[in-house]
PDB file of all heavy atoms in Angstrom:
ATOM      1  N   ILE A   1      16.503  -5.296   7.471  1.00  0.00           N
ATOM      2  CA  ILE A   1      15.240  -4.576   7.383  1.00  0.00           C
ATOM      3  C   ILE A   1      14.930  -3.869   8.714  1.00  0.00           C
ATOM      4  O   ILE A   1      15.486  -4.188   9.767  1.00  0.00           O
ATOM      5  CB  ILE A   1      14.081  -5.515   7.011  1.00  0.00           C
ATOM      6  CG1 ILE A   1      14.013  -6.723   7.957  1.00  0.00           C
ATOM      7  CG2 ILE A   1      14.255  -5.993   5.584  1.00  0.00           C
ATOM      8  CD1 ILE A   1      13.172  -6.566   9.197  1.00  0.00           C
ATOM      9  N   VAL A   2      14.056  -2.883   8.630  1.00  0.00           N
ATOM     10  CA  VAL A   2      13.584  -2.124   9.794  1.00  0.00           C
ATOM     11  C   VAL A   2      12.049  -2.033   9.677  1.00  0.00           C
ATOM     12  O   VAL A   2      11.532  -1.593   8.651  1.00  0.00           O
ATOM     13  CB  VAL A   2      14.186  -0.717   9.837  1.00  0.00           C
ATOM     14  CG1 VAL A   2      13.616   0.065  11.027  1.00  0.00           C
ATOM     15  CG2 VAL A   2      15.713  -0.779   9.959  1.00  0.00           C
ATOM     16  N   PHE A   3      11.333  -2.444  10.735  1.00  0.00           N
ATOM     17  CA  PHE A   3       9.889  -2.250  10.727  1.00  0.00           C
ATOM     18  C   PHE A   3       9.567  -0.750  10.661  1.00  0.00           C
ATOM     19  O   PHE A   3      10.063   0.045  11.474  1.00  0.00           O
ATOM     20  CB  PHE A   3       9.254  -2.856  11.973  1.00  0.00           C
ATOM     21  CG  PHE A   3       9.112  -4.347  11.927  1.00  0.00           C
ATOM     22  CD1 PHE A   3       9.691  -5.136  12.921  1.00  0.00           C
ATOM     23  CD2 PHE A   3       8.426  -4.964  10.910  1.00  0.00           C
ATOM     24  CE1 PHE A   3       9.552  -6.489  12.897  1.00  0.00           C
ATOM     25  CE2 PHE A   3       8.299  -6.354  10.868  1.00  0.00           C
ATOM     26  CZ  PHE A   3       8.878  -7.130  11.861  1.00  0.00           C
ATOM     27  N   THR A   4       8.792  -0.363   9.680  1.00  0.00           N
ATOM     28  CA  THR A   4       8.468   1.038   9.414  1.00  0.00           C
ATOM     29  C   THR A   4       7.035   1.169   8.899  1.00  0.00           C
ATOM     30  O   THR A   4       6.588   0.285   8.153  1.00  0.00           O
ATOM     31  CB  THR A   4       9.434   1.614   8.356  1.00  0.00           C
ATOM     32  OG1 THR A   4      10.776   1.359   8.752  1.00  0.00           O
ATOM     33  CG2 THR A   4       9.248   3.100   8.190  1.00  0.00           C
ATOM     34  N   ASP A   5       6.337   2.196   9.279  1.00  0.00           N
ATOM     35  CA  ASP A   5       5.041   2.483   8.687  1.00  0.00           C
ATOM     36  C   ASP A   5       5.280   3.165   7.337  1.00  0.00           C
ATOM     37  O   ASP A   5       5.764   4.308   7.297  1.00  0.00           O
ATOM     38  CB  ASP A   5       4.218   3.369   9.605  1.00  0.00           C
ATOM     39  CG  ASP A   5       2.818   3.628   9.053  1.00  0.00           C
ATOM     40  OD1 ASP A   5       2.481   3.078   7.985  1.00  0.00           O
ATOM     41  OD2 ASP A   5       2.073   4.399   9.688  1.00  0.00           O
ATOM     42  N   LEU A   6       5.016   2.465   6.249  1.00  0.00           N
ATOM     43  CA  LEU A   6       5.288   3.010   4.901  1.00  0.00           C
ATOM     44  C   LEU A   6       4.468   4.245   4.605  1.00  0.00           C
ATOM     45  O   LEU A   6       4.791   4.996   3.650  1.00  0.00           O
ATOM     46  CB  LEU A   6       5.046   1.904   3.851  1.00  0.00           C
ATOM     47  CG  LEU A   6       6.064   0.749   3.902  1.00  0.00           C
ATOM     48  CD1 LEU A   6       5.614  -0.380   3.002  1.00  0.00           C
ATOM     49  CD2 LEU A   6       7.465   1.205   3.576  1.00  0.00           C
ATOM     50  N   ASN A   7       3.409   4.500   5.373  1.00  0.00           N
ATOM     51  CA  ASN A   7       2.647   5.740   5.225  1.00  0.00           C
ATOM     52  C   ASN A   7       3.510   6.955   5.482  1.00  0.00           C
ATOM     53  O   ASN A   7       3.209   8.055   4.981  1.00  0.00           O
ATOM     54  CB  ASN A   7       1.454   5.760   6.201  1.00  0.00           C
ATOM     55  CG  ASN A   7       0.387   4.745   5.833  1.00  0.00           C
ATOM     56  OD1 ASN A   7      -0.470   5.032   4.995  1.00  0.00           O
ATOM     57  ND2 ASN A   7       0.381   3.598   6.493  1.00  0.00           N
ATOM     58  N   THR A   8       4.604   6.787   6.261  1.00  0.00           N
ATOM     59  CA  THR A   8       5.470   7.913   6.575  1.00  0.00           C
ATOM     60  C   THR A   8       6.558   8.129   5.507  1.00  0.00           C
ATOM     61  O   THR A   8       7.279   9.135   5.596  1.00  0.00           O
ATOM     62  CB  THR A   8       6.165   7.667   7.937  1.00  0.00           C
ATOM     63  OG1 THR A   8       7.044   6.543   7.832  1.00  0.00           O
ATOM     64  CG2 THR A   8       5.159   7.430   9.025  1.00  0.00           C
ATOM     65  N   ILE A   9       6.656   7.226   4.532  1.00  0.00           N
ATOM     66  CA  ILE A   9       7.689   7.322   3.498  1.00  0.00           C
ATOM     67  C   ILE A   9       7.109   7.725   2.160  1.00  0.00           C
ATOM     68  O   ILE A   9       7.609   8.615   1.475  1.00  0.00           O
ATOM     69  CB  ILE A   9       8.441   5.992   3.390  1.00  0.00           C
ATOM     70  CG1 ILE A   9       9.246   5.748   4.669  1.00  0.00           C
ATOM     71  CG2 ILE A   9       9.362   5.984   2.159  1.00  0.00           C
ATOM     72  CD1 ILE A   9       9.982   4.421   4.692  1.00  0.00           C
ATOM     73  N   LEU A  10       6.025   7.116   1.773  1.00  0.00           N
ATOM     74  CA  LEU A  10       5.413   7.351   0.447  1.00  0.00           C
ATOM     75  C   LEU A  10       4.234   8.359   0.609  1.00  0.00           C
ATOM     76  O   LEU A  10       3.577   8.365   1.653  1.00  0.00           O
ATOM     77  CB  LEU A  10       4.913   6.071  -0.144  1.00  0.00           C
ATOM     78  CG  LEU A  10       5.989   5.041  -0.541  1.00  0.00           C
ATOM     79  CD1 LEU A  10       5.398   3.686  -0.836  1.00  0.00           C
ATOM     80  CD2 LEU A  10       6.807   5.553  -1.731  1.00  0.00           C
ATOM     81  N   PRO A  11       3.975   9.133  -0.399  1.00  0.00           N
ATOM     82  CA  PRO A  11       2.869  10.086  -0.330  1.00  0.00           C
ATOM     83  C   PRO A  11       1.499   9.408  -0.263  1.00  0.00           C
ATOM     84  O   PRO A  11       1.353   8.254  -0.700  1.00  0.00           O
ATOM     85  CB  PRO A  11       3.016  10.916  -1.604  1.00  0.00           C
ATOM     86  CG  PRO A  11       3.785  10.048  -2.547  1.00  0.00           C
ATOM     87  CD  PRO A  11       4.673   9.220  -1.698  1.00  0.00           C
ATOM     88  N   GLU A  12       0.516  10.116   0.234  1.00  0.00           N
ATOM     89  CA  GLU A  12      -0.796   9.529   0.443  1.00  0.00           C
ATOM     90  C   GLU A  12      -1.418   8.963  -0.823  1.00  0.00           C
ATOM     91  O   GLU A  12      -2.029   7.906  -0.829  1.00  0.00           O
ATOM     92  CB  GLU A  12      -1.749  10.597   1.050  1.00  0.00           C
ATOM     93  CG  GLU A  12      -3.080  10.052   1.523  1.00  0.00           C
ATOM     94  CD  GLU A  12      -4.094   9.887   0.381  1.00  0.00           C
ATOM     95  OE1 GLU A  12      -4.008  10.627  -0.635  1.00  0.00           O
ATOM     96  OE2 GLU A  12      -4.984   9.004   0.517  1.00  0.00           O
ATOM     97  N   TYR A  13      -1.207   9.682  -1.954  1.00  0.00           N
ATOM     98  CA  TYR A  13      -1.837   9.207  -3.219  1.00  0.00           C
ATOM     99  C   TYR A  13      -1.201   7.908  -3.689  1.00  0.00           C
ATOM    100  O   TYR A  13      -1.849   7.101  -4.369  1.00  0.00           O
ATOM    101  CB  TYR A  13      -1.770  10.268  -4.309  1.00  0.00           C
ATOM    102  CG  TYR A  13      -0.375  10.722  -4.731  1.00  0.00           C
ATOM    103  CD1 TYR A  13       0.355  10.002  -5.650  1.00  0.00           C
ATOM    104  CD2 TYR A  13       0.162  11.896  -4.214  1.00  0.00           C
ATOM    105  CE1 TYR A  13       1.625  10.436  -6.036  1.00  0.00           C
ATOM    106  CE2 TYR A  13       1.386  12.340  -4.607  1.00  0.00           C
ATOM    107  CZ  TYR A  13       2.142  11.608  -5.508  1.00  0.00           C
ATOM    108  OH  TYR A  13       3.383  12.045  -5.900  1.00  0.00           O
ATOM    109  N   ILE A  14       0.039   7.628  -3.299  1.00  0.00           N
ATOM    110  CA  ILE A  14       0.667   6.337  -3.627  1.00  0.00           C
ATOM    111  C   ILE A  14       0.148   5.262  -2.678  1.00  0.00           C
ATOM    112  O   ILE A  14      -0.248   4.176  -3.099  1.00  0.00           O
ATOM    113  CB  ILE A  14       2.208   6.418  -3.527  1.00  0.00           C
ATOM    114  CG1 ILE A  14       2.755   7.424  -4.581  1.00  0.00           C
ATOM    115  CG2 ILE A  14       2.827   5.051  -3.733  1.00  0.00           C
ATOM    116  CD1 ILE A  14       2.557   7.009  -6.003  1.00  0.00           C
ATOM    117  N   VAL A  15       0.168   5.539  -1.379  1.00  0.00           N
ATOM    118  CA  VAL A  15      -0.250   4.562  -0.381  1.00  0.00           C
ATOM    119  C   VAL A  15      -1.722   4.152  -0.553  1.00  0.00           C
ATOM    120  O   VAL A  15      -2.064   2.964  -0.521  1.00  0.00           O
ATOM    121  CB  VAL A  15       0.008   5.061   1.058  1.00  0.00           C
ATOM    122  CG1 VAL A  15      -0.540   4.083   2.079  1.00  0.00           C
ATOM    123  CG2 VAL A  15       1.509   5.275   1.289  1.00  0.00           C
ATOM    124  N   SER A  16      -2.591   5.154  -0.749  1.00  0.00           N
ATOM    125  CA  SER A  16      -4.004   4.810  -0.934  1.00  0.00           C
ATOM    126  C   SER A  16      -4.211   3.982  -2.189  1.00  0.00           C
ATOM    127  O   SER A  16      -5.047   3.043  -2.173  1.00  0.00           O
ATOM    128  CB  SER A  16      -4.834   6.103  -0.984  1.00  0.00           C
ATOM    129  OG  SER A  16      -4.489   6.895  -2.121  1.00  0.00           O
ATOM    130  N   SER A  17      -3.443   4.261  -3.230  1.00  0.00           N
ATOM    131  CA  SER A  17      -3.574   3.455  -4.470  1.00  0.00           C
ATOM    132  C   SER A  17      -3.091   2.029  -4.215  1.00  0.00           C
ATOM    133  O   SER A  17      -3.692   1.063  -4.724  1.00  0.00           O
ATOM    134  CB  SER A  17      -2.738   4.109  -5.587  1.00  0.00           C
ATOM    135  OG  SER A  17      -3.212   5.407  -5.876  1.00  0.00           O
ATOM    136  N   LEU A  18      -1.983   1.888  -3.466  1.00  0.00           N
ATOM    137  CA  LEU A  18      -1.452   0.565  -3.162  1.00  0.00           C
ATOM    138  C   LEU A  18      -2.455  -0.239  -2.328  1.00  0.00           C
ATOM    139  O   LEU A  18      -2.711  -1.413  -2.632  1.00  0.00           O
ATOM    140  CB  LEU A  18      -0.145   0.670  -2.383  1.00  0.00           C
ATOM    141  CG  LEU A  18       1.094   1.144  -3.171  1.00  0.00           C
ATOM    142  CD1 LEU A  18       2.267   1.374  -2.220  1.00  0.00           C
ATOM    143  CD2 LEU A  18       1.486   0.088  -4.236  1.00  0.00           C
ATOM    144  N   LYS A  19      -3.034   0.383  -1.340  1.00  0.00           N
ATOM    145  CA  LYS A  19      -3.999  -0.327  -0.491  1.00  0.00           C
ATOM    146  C   LYS A  19      -5.187  -0.836  -1.324  1.00  0.00           C
ATOM    147  O   LYS A  19      -5.543  -2.005  -1.276  1.00  0.00           O
ATOM    148  CB  LYS A  19      -4.525   0.615   0.618  1.00  0.00           C
ATOM    149  CG  LYS A  19      -3.505   0.981   1.677  1.00  0.00           C
ATOM    150  CD  LYS A  19      -4.076   2.011   2.647  1.00  0.00           C
ATOM    151  CE  LYS A  19      -3.108   2.416   3.722  1.00  0.00           C
ATOM    152  NZ  LYS A  19      -3.633   3.456   4.650  1.00  0.00           N
ATOM    153  N   GLU A  20      -5.735   0.068  -2.114  1.00  0.00           N
ATOM    154  CA  GLU A  20      -6.891  -0.266  -2.934  1.00  0.00           C
ATOM    155  C   GLU A  20      -6.516  -1.325  -3.993  1.00  0.00           C
ATOM    156  O   GLU A  20      -7.264  -2.307  -4.208  1.00  0.00           O
ATOM    157  CB  GLU A  20      -7.383   1.006  -3.617  1.00  0.00           C
ATOM    158  CG  GLU A  20      -8.621   0.833  -4.488  1.00  0.00           C
ATOM    159  CD  GLU A  20      -8.956   2.118  -5.227  1.00  0.00           C
ATOM    160  OE1 GLU A  20      -8.699   3.226  -4.719  1.00  0.00           O
ATOM    161  OE2 GLU A  20      -9.500   1.996  -6.354  1.00  0.00           O
ATOM    162  N   GLY A  21      -5.362  -1.128  -4.605  1.00  0.00           N
ATOM    163  CA  GLY A  21      -4.955  -2.055  -5.656  1.00  0.00           C
ATOM    164  C   GLY A  21      -4.658  -3.450  -5.144  1.00  0.00           C
ATOM    165  O   GLY A  21      -5.088  -4.473  -5.737  1.00  0.00           O
ATOM    166  N   ILE A  22      -3.952  -3.576  -4.005  1.00  0.00           N
ATOM    167  CA  ILE A  22      -3.597  -4.891  -3.473  1.00  0.00           C
ATOM    168  C   ILE A  22      -4.856  -5.643  -3.019  1.00  0.00           C
ATOM    169  O   ILE A  22      -4.984  -6.853  -3.199  1.00  0.00           O
ATOM    170  CB  ILE A  22      -2.551  -4.751  -2.338  1.00  0.00           C
ATOM    171  CG1 ILE A  22      -1.238  -4.251  -2.929  1.00  0.00           C
ATOM    172  CG2 ILE A  22      -2.352  -6.080  -1.628  1.00  0.00           C
ATOM    173  CD1 ILE A  22      -0.178  -3.907  -1.901  1.00  0.00           C
ATOM    174  N   ILE A  23      -5.805  -4.914  -2.392  1.00  0.00           N
ATOM    175  CA  ILE A  23      -7.059  -5.550  -2.004  1.00  0.00           C
ATOM    176  C   ILE A  23      -7.791  -6.129  -3.222  1.00  0.00           C
ATOM    177  O   ILE A  23      -8.258  -7.264  -3.220  1.00  0.00           O
ATOM    178  CB  ILE A  23      -7.966  -4.559  -1.250  1.00  0.00           C
ATOM    179  CG1 ILE A  23      -7.407  -4.251   0.131  1.00  0.00           C
ATOM    180  CG2 ILE A  23      -9.395  -5.086  -1.136  1.00  0.00           C
ATOM    181  CD1 ILE A  23      -8.126  -3.147   0.866  1.00  0.00           C
ATOM    182  N   ASP A  24      -7.853  -5.354  -4.307  1.00  0.00           N
ATOM    183  CA  ASP A  24      -8.501  -5.820  -5.526  1.00  0.00           C
ATOM    184  C   ASP A  24      -7.743  -6.997  -6.139  1.00  0.00           C
ATOM    185  O   ASP A  24      -8.359  -7.964  -6.595  1.00  0.00           O
ATOM    186  CB  ASP A  24      -8.593  -4.691  -6.517  1.00  0.00           C
ATOM    187  CG  ASP A  24      -9.283  -5.119  -7.803  1.00  0.00           C
ATOM    188  OD1 ASP A  24     -10.483  -5.378  -7.755  1.00  0.00           O
ATOM    189  OD2 ASP A  24      -8.620  -5.169  -8.854  1.00  0.00           O
ATOM    190  N   MET A  25      -6.427  -6.953  -6.105  1.00  0.00           N
ATOM    191  CA  MET A  25      -5.608  -8.057  -6.652  1.00  0.00           C
ATOM    192  C   MET A  25      -5.823  -9.327  -5.841  1.00  0.00           C
ATOM    193  O   MET A  25      -5.772 -10.439  -6.408  1.00  0.00           O
ATOM    194  CB  MET A  25      -4.146  -7.669  -6.664  1.00  0.00           C
ATOM    195  CG  MET A  25      -3.826  -6.555  -7.668  1.00  0.00           C
ATOM    196  SD  MET A  25      -2.139  -5.919  -7.495  1.00  0.00           S
ATOM    197  CE  MET A  25      -2.162  -4.553  -8.653  1.00  0.00           C
ATOM    198  N   GLY A  26      -6.056  -9.172  -4.537  1.00  0.00           N
ATOM    199  CA  GLY A  26      -6.362 -10.356  -3.718  1.00  0.00           C
ATOM    200  C   GLY A  26      -7.647 -11.046  -4.085  1.00  0.00           C
ATOM    201  O   GLY A  26      -7.813 -12.259  -3.836  1.00  0.00           O
ATOM    202  N   LYS A  27      -8.552 -10.325  -4.705  1.00  0.00           N
ATOM    203  CA  LYS A  27      -9.821 -10.923  -5.195  1.00  0.00           C
ATOM    204  C   LYS A  27      -9.572 -11.732  -6.463  1.00  0.00           C
ATOM    205  O   LYS A  27     -10.341 -12.655  -6.797  1.00  0.00           O
ATOM    206  CB  LYS A  27     -10.863  -9.843  -5.456  1.00  0.00           C
ATOM    207  CG  LYS A  27     -11.254  -9.096  -4.171  1.00  0.00           C
ATOM    208  CD  LYS A  27     -12.180  -7.932  -4.550  1.00  0.00           C
ATOM    209  CE  LYS A  27     -12.536  -7.110  -3.286  1.00  0.00           C
ATOM    210  NZ  LYS A  27     -13.390  -5.943  -3.597  1.00  0.00           N
ATOM    211  N   LYS A  28      -8.507 -11.382  -7.180  1.00  0.00           N
ATOM    212  CA  LYS A  28      -8.180 -12.082  -8.436  1.00  0.00           C
ATOM    213  C   LYS A  28      -7.225 -13.228  -8.210  1.00  0.00           C
ATOM    214  O   LYS A  28      -7.205 -14.211  -8.978  1.00  0.00           O
ATOM    215  CB  LYS A  28      -7.564 -11.082  -9.421  1.00  0.00           C
ATOM    216  CG  LYS A  28      -8.472  -9.911  -9.752  1.00  0.00           C
ATOM    217  CD  LYS A  28      -7.706  -8.836 -10.555  1.00  0.00           C
ATOM    218  CE  LYS A  28      -8.573  -7.626 -10.827  1.00  0.00           C
ATOM    219  NZ  LYS A  28      -7.832  -6.519 -11.498  1.00  0.00           N
ATOM    220  N   LEU A  29      -6.360 -13.116  -7.169  1.00  0.00           N
ATOM    221  CA  LEU A  29      -5.378 -14.130  -6.887  1.00  0.00           C
ATOM    222  C   LEU A  29      -5.392 -14.408  -5.385  1.00  0.00           C
ATOM    223  O   LEU A  29      -4.974 -13.562  -4.589  1.00  0.00           O
ATOM    224  CB  LEU A  29      -3.956 -13.641  -7.309  1.00  0.00           C
ATOM    225  CG  LEU A  29      -2.813 -14.605  -7.135  1.00  0.00           C
ATOM    226  CD1 LEU A  29      -3.005 -15.861  -8.018  1.00  0.00           C
ATOM    227  CD2 LEU A  29      -1.479 -13.937  -7.461  1.00  0.00           C
TER     228      LEU A  29
END
């Protein structure tokens, strides 16, 4: 593995969705 900022790999609409989705999933699990 290589430490990388995934914001530089995936487009903003994917990253923002992941951030929002994972935070919400943390409220459920």
